């Protein structure tokens, strides 16, 4: 016989329970006393008189008796099971009694009990959301309320399916009772061989409702945790649902591989409640001697392609020769003291994600012996761009970099710049931390290297261009041009004034007669400039797209419409160039963009950025593709020589095979 009925409605049938218990010695719903003792002992005192509803053939009452909680009455709708329990326990435990009684029709006096224990009875009766069932549950709760004394507790063990949880929250919140939700993790551990649905002990304390006093809702995550106050019913619902989904996921992952899925889980700090770890499950079809392992990504490196994309993580698993690799990101706003601490944090939880045959010791891999270094310098919110952070990270070769990251897209670096220590006199510094500033000789973003190389498309104005940049970011591109092209005139258009503040405060942006920043809509600025017949040598569109649903991270679609592209063409001199930083994952949309570009510009080259989705489109006003390419190669040699003399970093622009880097868009 199956231990659970085929139809959940059978839970409410007395005939079902008669047959069920006649064939079972005892069936401990939701754990036995040993796994629930911490909760039971906490809320039931030896002198308390307790009522156990829907006791079945559970030995819970006997276990409580044996630890000194003797004054109990256990009831059940099934007469045969009550007779069995009387025969089994009546003589050896005389103060413990059993009665055939329906929880919907309790006949005890008002305020008889200090505690009512319900281990699965509510789940058995609350089979659906029908009006009939709802009325029965209201009656059950009313009876329990009546027989409990003030300050007494209704201790309900439940799986908290959605309709059960909603009913509990609504009914007892209306009554003004204190509600505390305990996770029974020890009871769940008894079901390692099958799906272990989360088990909860919900403690409802009977209080007189006082008008204006907010309801008290608390969560206790496990037997060792302190209660955590919740602000709303929604917090409880979200907490329970996430635990239930995780239980199903654990069971699913223990049975099969998920090669085609990008499964992500997040773990919170028990102390702070902040998200602390983000974990990606990476499975490979190929078999390997290393079946399961964890890879901890050092702080600050989670934005790299190898760790931030599904394709990169697959390559990482291949390099590790591992069948299932859990890639772990260390999240901001937490302190990680050592790799050993992280290993200790993760070992038990990550082991739950192992295939069922690999539940032993697991190797934990990383790029070194530490967890990397990240220091958040600023965390704020822009009205236009959302929440952002400015953070300093340490690279593998001990170089420091400053990054601007919008948290809506936490794996995309909006701006990055290398930091250098400012020399100071020892007396002034007095042993304090070194002062840092941006190193404007260094180009941290590969697409900026491509954009600067695009100045080689200009004829006479390559070293003294008039440049319009749409999109400021941290301001590293205009500042590089400002420093190394002393005869250049640079104008930047930025929609968000907050970005300008960030670039000045954290990225050392300075403005003067040669570098101006306009707070304006880039689309409108281009149109107004065309109307005024203003001309530039180079127009650079380097702006991100907040709406990535179409599969394009930049620029926003309006910049790629034919009319706007025509305005950009009109905005440059006859020998000018329009450069667009294009990041498009949607192949059909990419074709459409190229088609629109070709309808406006006669000569277009593309330079793809290695290991990134980005490519820089060079749209030239010239009509002779071959002549343009030959001339650009000559100019590029001059540009490379010029910049090598200007900066302290050599070989940044040393691309002898420039023509191989450029692809003509035909």
Foldseek 3Di string as FASTA:
>chain_A
DDLADPALLCLPDLVSLQVNLVPDQDDQFLFACVLCVLVCPVADDLVWAEEEEQCFLHCRQVVCVVVRNQRYEYEHQHPVRQVVCCVVCCPVRVNYHYDHDHLLDDDDAFQQGQEYEYRCSLVSQCSDDDPVSLVSVVSSVVSVNRNHHAQGKYWHKDLCDPVSLVSVCVPLQVQQWAKEKEWSVSSQVVPLPAQRRIIITIITTHHHDDPPDHHWYWYADYSPGDTDTDDDSVVVVVVSVVSRVVSVQLRVLQADDDQPDFDKDWDADSVPRHTFKIKTKHADPDDAPAAEAEEEEAPPCCLALLNVDNVNVNVVCVVVRYGIYIYMYTDPPDDDDWPVVVCVVCVVVVLSSGHNVPNDDHYYHYPDGGRWDKDWPDWDAFPPQGTWTWMWTADPVRWIKIFIAHVVCRSDTQDMFTKDFDDDDCVVCVPPDTDIAGDLLDDPDLVLLVVLLLLLLFAPCSLQWEEEEEDQALNSSVVNNVQQRVNYAYEYEAQTVVRVVNNVPPHVDDDDRRYYYHHDDPLVVLVVCLVVQAATQEYEYDDFDPDCVQQWGDDPCVCQALVNLLSVLSRYDLSHKYKYWTQGPDPVVVVVSLVSLVVRAQWWKWADDPSGSIIIIIGGNDNDHVVSVVSSLVSSVVVLVSSVVSHPDHPSSPDNVVVVRIDISD
